[in-house]
Amino acid sequence: MSVEQTVLAMWKAVSERDWDTAHTFYAEDCVFIDVPVGSANAARGPDDIVRKLRISLDPLAAYVNHPGLILTNGSVAIFEHSETWTWLPGQSTVMHFVSVHKVLDGKITFWKDYWDMGG
């Protein structure tokens, strides 16, 4: 798979909340950082990354990822996308992200999310 295909396939698994499949895309030493909250909240490795994702996404009544522009340069992909988060009883918000992924040998080795905490 190309870098772009790997990133988009991982996001498809996350969008479907298919945690077993999502888990397969992260290298053992992969680091995932939400840049606005800092590195103290970073996750390392597939188990920790999936746990971090599940804390945010499992409680939602609905979750939809809206793919946007993806740019690649060698092993790096920059993915602009938005996510609709819906809670019960129907409260929702759209969050805008830019995600940066580094992919080596078909595995994501680094992931940084940029989003507006005030938005």
N, C-alpha and C. Protein backbone atom coordinates (compact mmCIF):
# COMPACT_ATOMS: atom_id res chain seq x y z
N MET A 1 0.83 -1.19 0.00
CA MET A 1 0.00 0.00 0.00
C MET A 1 0.87 1.24 0.00
N SER A 2 0.43 2.27 -0.69
CA SER A 2 1.14 3.54 -0.67
C SER A 2 0.90 4.24 0.67
N VAL A 3 1.64 5.30 0.91
CA VAL A 3 1.45 6.09 2.12
C VAL A 3 0.01 6.61 2.18
N GLU A 4 -0.47 7.14 1.06
CA GLU A 4 -1.84 7.66 1.02
C GLU A 4 -2.86 6.55 1.30
N GLN A 5 -2.69 5.40 0.68
CA GLN A 5 -3.62 4.29 0.89
C GLN A 5 -3.60 3.81 2.33
N THR A 6 -2.43 3.77 2.94
CA THR A 6 -2.32 3.34 4.34
C THR A 6 -3.07 4.29 5.25
N VAL A 7 -2.85 5.59 5.08
CA VAL A 7 -3.50 6.59 5.93
C VAL A 7 -5.01 6.55 5.74
N LEU A 8 -5.47 6.50 4.51
CA LEU A 8 -6.91 6.48 4.27
C LEU A 8 -7.56 5.20 4.78
N ALA A 9 -6.87 4.07 4.67
CA ALA A 9 -7.41 2.81 5.19
C ALA A 9 -7.48 2.85 6.72
N MET A 10 -6.47 3.44 7.36
CA MET A 10 -6.51 3.58 8.82
C MET A 10 -7.70 4.45 9.22
N TRP A 11 -7.89 5.58 8.52
CA TRP A 11 -9.00 6.46 8.86
C TRP A 11 -10.35 5.80 8.60
N LYS A 12 -10.44 4.93 7.60
CA LYS A 12 -11.68 4.19 7.36
C LYS A 12 -11.98 3.30 8.56
N ALA A 13 -10.96 2.61 9.06
CA ALA A 13 -11.14 1.75 10.24
C ALA A 13 -11.56 2.57 11.46
N VAL A 14 -10.91 3.71 11.68
CA VAL A 14 -11.27 4.57 12.82
C VAL A 14 -12.70 5.08 12.64
N SER A 15 -13.05 5.49 11.43
CA SER A 15 -14.41 5.99 11.16
C SER A 15 -15.47 4.95 11.46
N GLU A 16 -15.15 3.70 11.19
CA GLU A 16 -16.09 2.61 11.46
C GLU A 16 -15.97 2.10 12.90
N ARG A 17 -15.04 2.70 13.65
CA ARG A 17 -14.73 2.26 15.01
C ARG A 17 -14.43 0.77 15.04
N ASP A 18 -13.70 0.35 14.01
CA ASP A 18 -13.21 -1.02 13.88
C ASP A 18 -11.82 -1.05 14.51
N TRP A 19 -11.79 -1.20 15.82
CA TRP A 19 -10.55 -1.05 16.58
C TRP A 19 -9.54 -2.15 16.28
N ASP A 20 -10.01 -3.36 15.99
CA ASP A 20 -9.07 -4.44 15.66
C ASP A 20 -8.30 -4.11 14.38
N THR A 21 -9.00 -3.59 13.38
CA THR A 21 -8.32 -3.24 12.13
C THR A 21 -7.45 -2.00 12.32
N ALA A 22 -7.97 -0.99 13.00
CA ALA A 22 -7.17 0.23 13.23
C ALA A 22 -5.85 -0.12 13.92
N HIS A 23 -5.90 -1.01 14.88
CA HIS A 23 -4.73 -1.44 15.64
C HIS A 23 -3.59 -1.91 14.72
N THR A 24 -3.94 -2.53 13.58
CA THR A 24 -2.92 -3.11 12.69
C THR A 24 -2.12 -2.07 11.93
N PHE A 25 -2.56 -0.82 11.92
CA PHE A 25 -1.89 0.22 11.14
C PHE A 25 -0.77 0.93 11.91
N TYR A 26 -0.68 0.74 13.22
CA TYR A 26 0.29 1.48 14.03
C TYR A 26 1.52 0.63 14.33
N ALA A 27 2.70 1.21 14.10
CA ALA A 27 3.95 0.55 14.47
C ALA A 27 4.02 0.43 15.98
N GLU A 28 4.79 -0.53 16.45
CA GLU A 28 4.92 -0.76 17.90
C GLU A 28 5.40 0.48 18.64
N ASP A 29 6.22 1.31 17.98
CA ASP A 29 6.75 2.51 18.63
C ASP A 29 6.07 3.79 18.13
N CYS A 30 4.92 3.66 17.47
CA CYS A 30 4.19 4.83 16.96
C CYS A 30 3.81 5.74 18.12
N VAL A 31 3.91 7.03 17.86
CA VAL A 31 3.50 8.05 18.83
C VAL A 31 2.37 8.87 18.21
N PHE A 32 1.32 9.09 18.99
CA PHE A 32 0.16 9.88 18.57
C PHE A 32 0.01 11.03 19.56
N ILE A 33 0.07 12.26 19.03
CA ILE A 33 0.01 13.46 19.85
C ILE A 33 -1.11 14.37 19.36
N ASP A 34 -1.97 14.80 20.27
CA ASP A 34 -2.90 15.90 20.01
C ASP A 34 -2.13 17.17 20.35
N VAL A 35 -1.66 17.87 19.32
CA VAL A 35 -0.77 19.01 19.52
C VAL A 35 -1.36 20.07 20.45
N PRO A 36 -2.65 20.43 20.34
CA PRO A 36 -3.17 21.49 21.22
C PRO A 36 -3.10 21.17 22.71
N VAL A 37 -3.10 19.90 23.09
CA VAL A 37 -3.05 19.57 24.51
C VAL A 37 -1.66 19.14 24.97
N GLY A 38 -0.73 19.00 24.04
CA GLY A 38 0.65 18.74 24.41
C GLY A 38 1.02 17.28 24.51
N SER A 39 2.30 17.05 24.64
CA SER A 39 2.84 15.70 24.61
C SER A 39 2.56 14.89 25.88
N ALA A 40 2.15 15.54 26.95
CA ALA A 40 1.84 14.80 28.17
C ALA A 40 0.67 13.84 27.96
N ASN A 41 -0.16 14.13 26.97
CA ASN A 41 -1.32 13.30 26.66
C ASN A 41 -1.06 12.37 25.47
N ALA A 42 0.20 12.21 25.07
CA ALA A 42 0.54 11.38 23.91
C ALA A 42 0.30 9.91 24.21
N ALA A 43 0.03 9.17 23.13
CA ALA A 43 -0.13 7.72 23.22
C ALA A 43 1.01 7.08 22.45
N ARG A 44 1.48 5.93 22.94
CA ARG A 44 2.59 5.24 22.27
C ARG A 44 2.22 3.77 22.08
N GLY A 45 2.35 3.33 20.82
CA GLY A 45 2.10 1.94 20.48
C GLY A 45 0.62 1.68 20.18
N PRO A 46 0.34 0.60 19.44
CA PRO A 46 -1.02 0.32 19.00
C PRO A 46 -2.04 0.22 20.14
N ASP A 47 -1.71 -0.47 21.22
CA ASP A 47 -2.68 -0.63 22.31
C ASP A 47 -3.05 0.71 22.93
N ASP A 48 -2.04 1.54 23.19
CA ASP A 48 -2.28 2.83 23.82
C ASP A 48 -3.02 3.79 22.89
N ILE A 49 -2.69 3.74 21.59
CA ILE A 49 -3.36 4.61 20.62
C ILE A 49 -4.83 4.24 20.51
N VAL A 50 -5.11 2.96 20.39
CA VAL A 50 -6.52 2.53 20.29
C VAL A 50 -7.26 2.88 21.58
N ARG A 51 -6.63 2.71 22.71
CA ARG A 51 -7.26 3.08 23.99
C ARG A 51 -7.59 4.57 24.01
N LYS A 52 -6.65 5.41 23.56
CA LYS A 52 -6.87 6.86 23.52
C LYS A 52 -8.02 7.21 22.57
N LEU A 53 -8.06 6.59 21.41
CA LEU A 53 -9.15 6.84 20.46
C LEU A 53 -10.49 6.41 21.05
N ARG A 54 -10.51 5.27 21.70
CA ARG A 54 -11.77 4.75 22.24
C ARG A 54 -12.32 5.63 23.36
N ILE A 55 -11.44 6.23 24.16
CA ILE A 55 -11.90 7.12 25.23
C ILE A 55 -12.72 8.27 24.64
N SER A 56 -12.29 8.79 23.49
CA SER A 56 -13.01 9.90 22.85
C SER A 56 -14.20 9.44 22.04
N LEU A 57 -14.05 8.35 21.29
CA LEU A 57 -15.04 8.01 20.28
C LEU A 57 -16.09 6.99 20.69
N ASP A 58 -15.76 6.08 21.59
CA ASP A 58 -16.74 5.05 21.98
C ASP A 58 -18.00 5.63 22.63
N PRO A 59 -17.90 6.68 23.45
CA PRO A 59 -19.12 7.20 24.08
C PRO A 59 -20.09 7.90 23.12
N LEU A 60 -19.64 8.20 21.91
CA LEU A 60 -20.47 8.94 20.98
C LEU A 60 -21.60 8.08 20.43
N ALA A 61 -22.77 8.70 20.24
CA ALA A 61 -23.89 8.01 19.60
C ALA A 61 -23.61 7.82 18.11
N ALA A 62 -22.89 8.76 17.51
CA ALA A 62 -22.50 8.66 16.10
C ALA A 62 -21.20 9.40 15.89
N TYR A 63 -20.43 8.90 14.94
CA TYR A 63 -19.14 9.51 14.60
C TYR A 63 -18.95 9.37 13.09
N VAL A 64 -18.70 10.50 12.41
CA VAL A 64 -18.48 10.46 10.97
C VAL A 64 -17.23 11.28 10.65
N ASN A 65 -16.33 10.67 9.91
CA ASN A 65 -15.14 11.36 9.43
C ASN A 65 -15.42 11.81 8.00
N HIS A 66 -15.14 13.08 7.72
CA HIS A 66 -15.36 13.65 6.39
C HIS A 66 -13.99 13.93 5.76
N PRO A 67 -13.52 13.02 4.89
CA PRO A 67 -12.20 13.20 4.29
C PRO A 67 -12.12 14.47 3.46
N GLY A 68 -10.96 15.07 3.50
CA GLY A 68 -10.70 16.25 2.69
C GLY A 68 -9.42 16.02 1.89
N LEU A 69 -8.65 17.04 1.81
CA LEU A 69 -7.40 17.02 1.04
C LEU A 69 -6.36 16.15 1.74
N ILE A 70 -5.66 15.34 0.94
CA ILE A 70 -4.52 14.60 1.47
C ILE A 70 -3.33 14.88 0.56
N LEU A 71 -2.21 15.25 1.17
CA LEU A 71 -0.97 15.52 0.46
C LEU A 71 0.10 14.58 0.98
N THR A 72 0.89 14.02 0.08
CA THR A 72 1.98 13.15 0.52
C THR A 72 3.30 13.65 -0.06
N ASN A 73 4.34 13.40 0.70
CA ASN A 73 5.70 13.72 0.29
C ASN A 73 6.61 12.66 0.88
N GLY A 74 6.98 11.70 0.09
CA GLY A 74 7.79 10.60 0.60
C GLY A 74 6.98 9.78 1.59
N SER A 75 7.47 9.70 2.80
CA SER A 75 6.82 8.88 3.83
C SER A 75 5.81 9.65 4.68
N VAL A 76 5.57 10.93 4.35
CA VAL A 76 4.70 11.77 5.17
C VAL A 76 3.40 12.08 4.42
N ALA A 77 2.29 12.01 5.15
CA ALA A 77 0.98 12.41 4.62
C ALA A 77 0.39 13.47 5.52
N ILE A 78 -0.16 14.49 4.91
CA ILE A 78 -0.90 15.54 5.62
C ILE A 78 -2.35 15.42 5.17
N PHE A 79 -3.24 15.22 6.13
CA PHE A 79 -4.64 14.92 5.84
C PHE A 79 -5.53 15.95 6.50
N GLU A 80 -6.22 16.73 5.68
CA GLU A 80 -7.18 17.70 6.17
C GLU A 80 -8.56 17.03 6.16
N HIS A 81 -9.24 17.06 7.29
CA HIS A 81 -10.53 16.39 7.39
C HIS A 81 -11.34 17.02 8.51
N SER A 82 -12.60 16.66 8.55
CA SER A 82 -13.44 17.09 9.68
C SER A 82 -14.17 15.87 10.21
N GLU A 83 -14.64 16.00 11.43
CA GLU A 83 -15.33 14.91 12.10
C GLU A 83 -16.60 15.45 12.73
N THR A 84 -17.70 14.75 12.52
CA THR A 84 -18.94 15.08 13.20
C THR A 84 -19.07 14.15 14.39
N TRP A 85 -19.13 14.73 15.58
CA TRP A 85 -19.30 13.98 16.82
C TRP A 85 -20.73 14.23 17.30
N THR A 86 -21.48 13.15 17.56
CA THR A 86 -22.85 13.27 18.03
C THR A 86 -23.01 12.51 19.33
N TRP A 87 -23.56 13.19 20.34
CA TRP A 87 -23.86 12.59 21.63
C TRP A 87 -25.35 12.41 21.74
N LEU A 88 -25.78 11.61 22.67
CA LEU A 88 -27.21 11.54 22.97
C LEU A 88 -27.55 12.76 23.81
N PRO A 89 -28.63 13.39 23.68
CA PRO A 89 -29.77 13.14 22.78
C PRO A 89 -29.71 13.94 21.49
N GLY A 90 -28.68 13.78 20.71
CA GLY A 90 -28.61 14.43 19.42
C GLY A 90 -27.78 15.69 19.37
N GLN A 91 -27.07 16.01 20.44
CA GLN A 91 -26.16 17.15 20.41
C GLN A 91 -24.97 16.76 19.54
N SER A 92 -24.53 17.68 18.67
CA SER A 92 -23.40 17.35 17.82
C SER A 92 -22.53 18.56 17.57
N THR A 93 -21.34 18.29 17.11
CA THR A 93 -20.40 19.33 16.72
C THR A 93 -19.55 18.80 15.57
N VAL A 94 -19.04 19.72 14.78
CA VAL A 94 -18.10 19.37 13.72
C VAL A 94 -16.74 19.92 14.13
N MET A 95 -15.76 19.04 14.15
CA MET A 95 -14.40 19.43 14.51
C MET A 95 -13.53 19.35 13.25
N HIS A 96 -12.67 20.34 13.07
CA HIS A 96 -11.79 20.41 11.90
C HIS A 96 -10.38 20.04 12.32
N PHE A 97 -9.74 19.17 11.54
CA PHE A 97 -8.42 18.65 11.87
C PHE A 97 -7.47 18.76 10.69
N VAL A 98 -6.20 18.83 11.01
CA VAL A 98 -5.13 18.50 10.09
C VAL A 98 -4.30 17.46 10.82
N SER A 99 -4.18 16.30 10.19
CA SER A 99 -3.43 15.19 10.77
C SER A 99 -2.17 14.97 9.94
N VAL A 100 -1.07 14.80 10.62
CA VAL A 100 0.21 14.53 9.97
C VAL A 100 0.62 13.11 10.36
N HIS A 101 0.87 12.30 9.35
CA HIS A 101 1.24 10.90 9.58
C HIS A 101 2.56 10.60 8.89
N LYS A 102 3.42 9.88 9.57
CA LYS A 102 4.63 9.34 8.95
C LYS A 102 4.44 7.84 8.82
N VAL A 103 4.66 7.30 7.63
CA VAL A 103 4.45 5.89 7.35
C VAL A 103 5.74 5.27 6.87
N LEU A 104 6.16 4.20 7.53
CA LEU A 104 7.34 3.43 7.12
C LEU A 104 6.97 1.96 7.07
N ASP A 105 7.32 1.31 5.97
CA ASP A 105 7.05 -0.12 5.81
C ASP A 105 5.59 -0.47 6.06
N GLY A 106 4.68 0.40 5.59
CA GLY A 106 3.25 0.13 5.69
C GLY A 106 2.64 0.37 7.06
N LYS A 107 3.40 0.91 8.00
CA LYS A 107 2.89 1.18 9.35
C LYS A 107 3.04 2.66 9.67
N ILE A 108 2.07 3.19 10.38
CA ILE A 108 2.15 4.58 10.83
C ILE A 108 3.08 4.62 12.03
N THR A 109 4.12 5.45 11.93
CA THR A 109 5.13 5.53 12.98
C THR A 109 5.01 6.80 13.82
N PHE A 110 4.29 7.77 13.28
CA PHE A 110 4.10 9.03 14.00
C PHE A 110 2.82 9.68 13.52
N TRP A 111 2.05 10.26 14.45
CA TRP A 111 0.77 10.88 14.11
C TRP A 111 0.59 12.08 15.01
N LYS A 112 0.41 13.25 14.38
CA LYS A 112 0.13 14.47 15.11
C LYS A 112 -1.18 15.06 14.60
N ASP A 113 -2.09 15.37 15.52
CA ASP A 113 -3.35 16.02 15.17
C ASP A 113 -3.30 17.48 15.60
N TYR A 114 -3.69 18.36 14.67
CA TYR A 114 -3.83 19.77 14.94
C TYR A 114 -5.30 20.12 14.82
N TRP A 115 -5.85 20.76 15.84
CA TRP A 115 -7.25 21.17 15.83
C TRP A 115 -7.41 22.38 16.73
N ASP A 116 -8.49 23.09 16.54
CA ASP A 116 -8.75 24.32 17.28
C ASP A 116 -9.54 24.00 18.53
N MET A 117 -8.90 24.15 19.69
CA MET A 117 -9.56 23.86 20.96
C MET A 117 -10.75 24.78 21.20
N GLY A 118 -10.75 25.96 20.61
CA GLY A 118 -11.84 26.89 20.82
C GLY A 118 -12.96 26.75 19.79
N GLY A 119 -12.73 25.89 18.78
CA GLY A 119 -13.68 25.81 17.67
C GLY A 119 -14.72 24.76 17.82
